[in-house]
C-alpha cells in the first residue's frame, strides 16, 4: 500500500507533469517530455485540480515522443500496449490522472500489485512533517524514504519516531546499469530491458516524485 499526495500545491517544472526520456542507444541524449498544464486557481492550485492544456494535442505529442525514443526496442509492442491506459487518461483532462495512471502501469510492469491511495482520502493532522508521518502510518509503512535535496533538512523526525517509523534519505544506485537511472524516467528502463525503479515496497513511503512512465504524481 502506498499513497499519492494529490492535495498539495502543484509545482511547475517538476516531475509532477514531466519526465525525461533517454534514447535507448545513448542514455545521455535525453529531453524533457512535458504535459502542458493549466492551473485554474493560479499558483495555489492543488495537484488534483491541475488541468491539461489541450488534452488531444498533449496525447498525440506524448505518444509520438515515446514511439520516437523506444519504437525500435524489441519490447516496444508490449510497452505500447501497456501505455494505452496512460494515453486514454489524457481524455480526463487532468494531469494528476495521467500521472497516477502512468505510475500504476509502471508498478504493474514491475510486478507490484499493492493498493494506491490518495492523500485527500486519508486522515492526517496539519503540519508538513506530522501530516507525512500520519500518511505513512495509515499505509502501514515502517520506513519513510525522504527525497533527495534538502528534504532531510526540513523534515522533523519526531512525528515519525512517535509512530515507530524510521526516516532515511533516498540514495539511488550510481554504478553499472544503474548509473543513468537518477537522470532518466522509467520508460527507457521498461523498453530497454533493464529496470531502475524497484517500485515502492510495503514498508517504504517516499515523498516526492513517484516512479512513472510518462510523469509522476507528487
Protein backbone atom coordinates (compact mmCIF):
# COMPACT_ATOMS: atom_id res chain seq x y z
CA UNK A 1 0.00 0.00 0.00
CA UNK A 2 1.23 3.49 -0.85
CA UNK A 3 -0.24 6.97 -1.01
CA UNK A 4 -0.09 9.74 -3.62
CA UNK A 5 -0.09 13.35 -2.44
CA UNK A 6 -2.86 14.82 -4.56
CA UNK A 7 -3.95 17.66 -2.27
CA UNK A 8 -0.73 19.66 -2.07
CA UNK A 9 0.26 22.62 -4.23
CA UNK A 10 1.17 21.83 -7.83
CA UNK A 11 4.78 22.69 -8.71
CA UNK A 12 5.66 23.75 -12.22
CA UNK A 13 8.81 22.49 -13.94
CA UNK A 14 8.87 19.42 -11.74
CA UNK A 15 8.19 15.71 -12.25
CA UNK A 16 4.53 16.28 -11.41
CA UNK A 17 3.89 16.98 -15.09
CA UNK A 18 7.02 15.99 -16.97
CA UNK A 19 9.52 13.19 -17.48
CA UNK A 20 12.96 12.87 -19.02
CA UNK A 21 13.15 10.03 -21.57
CA UNK A 22 16.56 8.95 -22.80
CA UNK A 23 17.49 7.31 -26.09
CA UNK A 24 17.99 3.55 -25.93
CA UNK A 25 21.44 3.63 -27.52
CA UNK A 26 22.55 6.94 -25.99
CA UNK A 27 21.12 7.38 -22.47
CA UNK A 28 22.98 10.68 -22.09
CA UNK A 29 20.97 12.08 -25.03
CA UNK A 30 17.72 12.94 -23.30
CA UNK A 31 14.94 15.50 -23.47
CA UNK A 32 12.07 16.71 -21.34
CA UNK A 33 8.59 15.39 -22.12
CA UNK A 34 6.08 17.80 -20.59
CA UNK A 35 2.32 17.55 -20.19
CA UNK A 36 1.21 21.19 -20.68
CA UNK A 37 -0.72 22.09 -17.56
CA UNK A 38 -3.13 24.92 -16.72
CA UNK A 39 -3.61 25.96 -13.09
CA UNK A 40 -7.22 27.20 -12.76
CA UNK A 41 -6.57 28.74 -9.32
CA UNK A 42 -3.14 30.12 -10.11
CA UNK A 43 -0.12 29.20 -8.05
CA UNK A 44 -2.15 27.77 -5.09
CA UNK A 45 -3.78 25.16 -7.37
CA UNK A 46 -3.66 21.67 -5.89
CA UNK A 47 -2.27 18.74 -7.86
CA UNK A 48 -5.70 17.14 -8.17
CA UNK A 49 -7.16 20.33 -9.69
CA UNK A 50 -4.47 20.91 -12.36
CA UNK A 51 -5.83 20.67 -15.92
CA UNK A 52 -4.15 19.54 -19.12
CA UNK A 53 -3.86 22.32 -21.68
CA UNK A 54 -5.30 20.89 -24.95
CA UNK A 55 -5.54 17.20 -23.93
CA UNK A 56 -5.80 15.86 -27.50
CA UNK A 57 -2.63 17.62 -28.63
CA UNK A 58 -0.80 16.61 -25.44
CA UNK A 59 -1.81 12.99 -26.00
CA UNK A 60 -0.55 12.98 -29.58
CA UNK A 61 2.75 14.59 -28.63
CA UNK A 62 3.33 12.17 -25.75
CA UNK A 63 2.59 9.14 -27.92
CA UNK A 64 4.86 10.47 -30.69
CA UNK A 65 7.82 11.19 -28.42
CA UNK A 66 7.62 7.79 -26.74
CA UNK A 67 7.43 5.99 -30.08
CA UNK A 68 10.32 8.07 -31.41
CA UNK A 69 12.52 7.12 -28.46
CA UNK A 70 11.53 3.49 -27.97
CA UNK A 71 9.82 2.27 -31.14
CA UNK A 72 12.90 0.30 -32.21
CA UNK A 73 13.08 -1.68 -28.97
CA UNK A 74 12.14 -5.36 -29.20
CA UNK A 75 9.97 -4.70 -26.13
CA UNK A 76 8.06 -1.86 -27.79
CA UNK A 77 4.92 -3.83 -28.80
CA UNK A 78 4.31 -4.92 -25.21
CA UNK A 79 5.17 -1.48 -23.84
CA UNK A 80 2.93 0.28 -26.36
CA UNK A 81 0.03 -1.91 -25.26
CA UNK A 82 0.79 -1.16 -21.60
CA UNK A 83 0.78 2.57 -22.39
CA UNK A 84 -2.77 2.55 -23.80
CA UNK A 85 -4.42 3.30 -20.40
CA UNK A 86 -1.98 6.19 -19.90
CA UNK A 87 -2.84 7.75 -23.25
CA UNK A 88 -6.55 7.19 -22.58
CA UNK A 89 -6.16 9.08 -19.28
CA UNK A 90 -5.48 12.28 -21.24
CA UNK A 91 -9.20 12.23 -22.04
CA UNK A 92 -9.99 13.10 -18.43
CA UNK A 93 -8.27 16.45 -18.90
CA UNK A 94 -6.47 16.13 -15.55
CA UNK A 95 -2.71 16.00 -15.16
CA UNK A 96 -2.95 14.06 -11.89
CA UNK A 97 -4.95 11.28 -13.56
CA UNK A 98 -2.30 10.85 -16.25
CA UNK A 99 0.40 10.81 -13.59
CA UNK A 100 -1.39 8.29 -11.36
CA UNK A 101 -2.25 6.02 -14.30
CA UNK A 102 1.33 6.17 -15.55
CA UNK A 103 2.69 5.23 -12.13
CA UNK A 104 0.21 2.39 -11.78
CA UNK A 105 1.20 0.99 -15.17
CA UNK A 106 4.90 1.05 -14.27
CA UNK A 107 4.26 -0.65 -10.93
CA UNK A 108 2.20 -3.32 -12.71
CA UNK A 109 5.10 -3.94 -15.12
CA UNK A 110 7.38 -4.34 -12.11
CA UNK A 111 5.01 -6.86 -10.56
CA UNK A 112 3.87 -4.65 -7.66
CA UNK A 113 0.15 -5.22 -7.10
CA UNK A 114 -0.40 -3.15 -3.96
CA UNK A 115 -3.08 -0.55 -3.38
CA UNK A 116 -2.56 3.14 -4.22
CA UNK A 117 -4.46 5.63 -2.07
CA UNK A 118 -4.95 9.37 -2.49
CA UNK A 119 -3.84 11.53 0.43
CA UNK A 120 -7.06 13.55 0.14
CA UNK A 121 -8.98 10.43 1.21
CA UNK A 122 -6.84 9.74 4.30
CA UNK A 123 -6.96 11.27 7.80
CA UNK A 124 -3.94 13.37 8.77
CA UNK A 125 -3.01 16.28 11.05
CA UNK A 126 -1.86 19.69 9.78
CA UNK A 127 1.85 20.45 9.57
CA UNK A 128 4.20 19.10 6.92
CA UNK A 129 6.07 16.52 8.97
CA UNK A 130 3.11 15.47 11.10
CA UNK A 131 0.98 15.00 8.00
CA UNK A 132 3.57 12.87 6.22
CA UNK A 133 4.03 10.78 9.36
CA UNK A 134 0.27 10.23 9.62
CA UNK A 135 0.03 9.20 5.96
CA UNK A 136 2.97 6.84 6.38
CA UNK A 137 1.34 5.25 9.43
CA UNK A 138 -2.01 4.81 7.64
CA UNK A 139 -0.31 2.89 4.82
CA UNK A 140 1.49 0.63 7.31
CA UNK A 141 4.96 1.96 6.49
CA UNK A 142 7.93 1.13 8.68
CA UNK A 143 10.42 3.32 6.77
CA UNK A 144 9.91 6.80 5.28
CA UNK A 145 12.27 7.43 2.36
CA UNK A 146 12.87 11.17 2.10
CA UNK A 147 13.53 12.65 -1.34
CA UNK A 148 16.95 13.88 -2.39
CA UNK A 149 17.94 17.51 -1.93
CA UNK A 150 17.01 19.47 1.16
CA UNK A 151 14.18 17.22 2.29
CA UNK A 152 16.04 15.82 5.27
CA UNK A 153 16.94 19.34 6.40
CA UNK A 154 13.32 20.49 6.69
CA UNK A 155 11.80 17.24 7.93
CA UNK A 156 11.05 16.87 11.64
CA UNK A 157 11.74 13.21 12.53
CA UNK A 158 9.83 13.38 15.85
CA UNK A 159 6.33 12.59 14.45
CA UNK A 160 7.79 9.60 12.60
CA UNK A 161 9.58 8.33 15.69
CA UNK A 162 6.33 8.56 17.62
CA UNK A 163 4.77 6.19 15.06
CA UNK A 164 7.76 3.84 15.09
CA UNK A 165 8.72 4.84 11.53
CA UNK A 166 12.39 5.22 10.57
CA UNK A 167 13.44 8.08 8.29
CA UNK A 168 16.13 7.53 5.68
CA UNK A 169 17.36 9.59 2.68
CA UNK A 170 16.76 8.25 -0.81
CA UNK A 171 20.06 7.22 -2.38
CA UNK A 172 19.76 5.77 -5.90
CA UNK A 173 22.47 3.37 -7.07
CA UNK A 174 25.12 5.08 -9.19
CA UNK A 175 27.19 2.27 -10.73
CA UNK A 176 26.97 -0.13 -13.68
CA UNK A 177 23.49 -0.38 -15.27
CA UNK A 178 22.09 1.93 -12.58
CA UNK A 179 24.23 4.94 -13.50
CA UNK A 180 21.67 6.70 -15.77
CA UNK A 181 18.69 5.98 -13.55
CA UNK A 182 18.83 9.16 -11.48
CA UNK A 183 18.60 11.27 -14.64
CA UNK A 184 16.03 9.30 -16.69
CA UNK A 185 12.39 8.34 -16.35
CA UNK A 186 11.10 4.80 -16.13
CA UNK A 187 10.05 4.36 -19.76
CA UNK A 188 13.58 3.79 -21.01
CA UNK A 189 14.15 1.06 -18.45
CA UNK A 190 10.85 -0.63 -19.32
CA UNK A 191 11.60 -0.59 -23.04
CA UNK A 192 15.30 -1.34 -22.82
CA UNK A 193 15.12 -4.46 -20.70
CA UNK A 194 16.68 -3.10 -17.50
CA UNK A 195 14.76 -1.68 -14.59
CA UNK A 196 15.93 1.27 -12.47
CA UNK A 197 12.91 1.74 -10.25
CA UNK A 198 12.18 -1.16 -7.94
CA UNK A 199 8.72 0.12 -7.06
CA UNK A 200 7.63 1.01 -3.55
CA UNK A 201 7.77 -1.78 -1.00
CA UNK A 202 5.03 -2.05 1.58
CA UNK A 203 7.35 -0.79 4.31
CA UNK A 204 8.53 2.29 2.44
CA UNK A 205 6.83 5.57 1.63
CA UNK A 206 8.59 8.22 -0.37
CA UNK A 207 7.68 11.90 -0.52
CA UNK A 208 8.27 13.42 -3.92
CA UNK A 209 8.12 12.06 -7.42
CA UNK A 210 6.82 8.58 -7.87
CA UNK A 211 8.32 6.26 -10.48
CA UNK A 212 6.49 6.87 -13.72
CA UNK A 213 6.44 6.04 -17.40
CA UNK A 214 5.29 9.49 -18.52
CA UNK A 215 5.05 11.74 -15.49
CA UNK A 216 4.50 11.43 -11.77
CA UNK A 217 2.07 12.40 -9.12
CA UNK A 218 3.58 14.28 -6.26
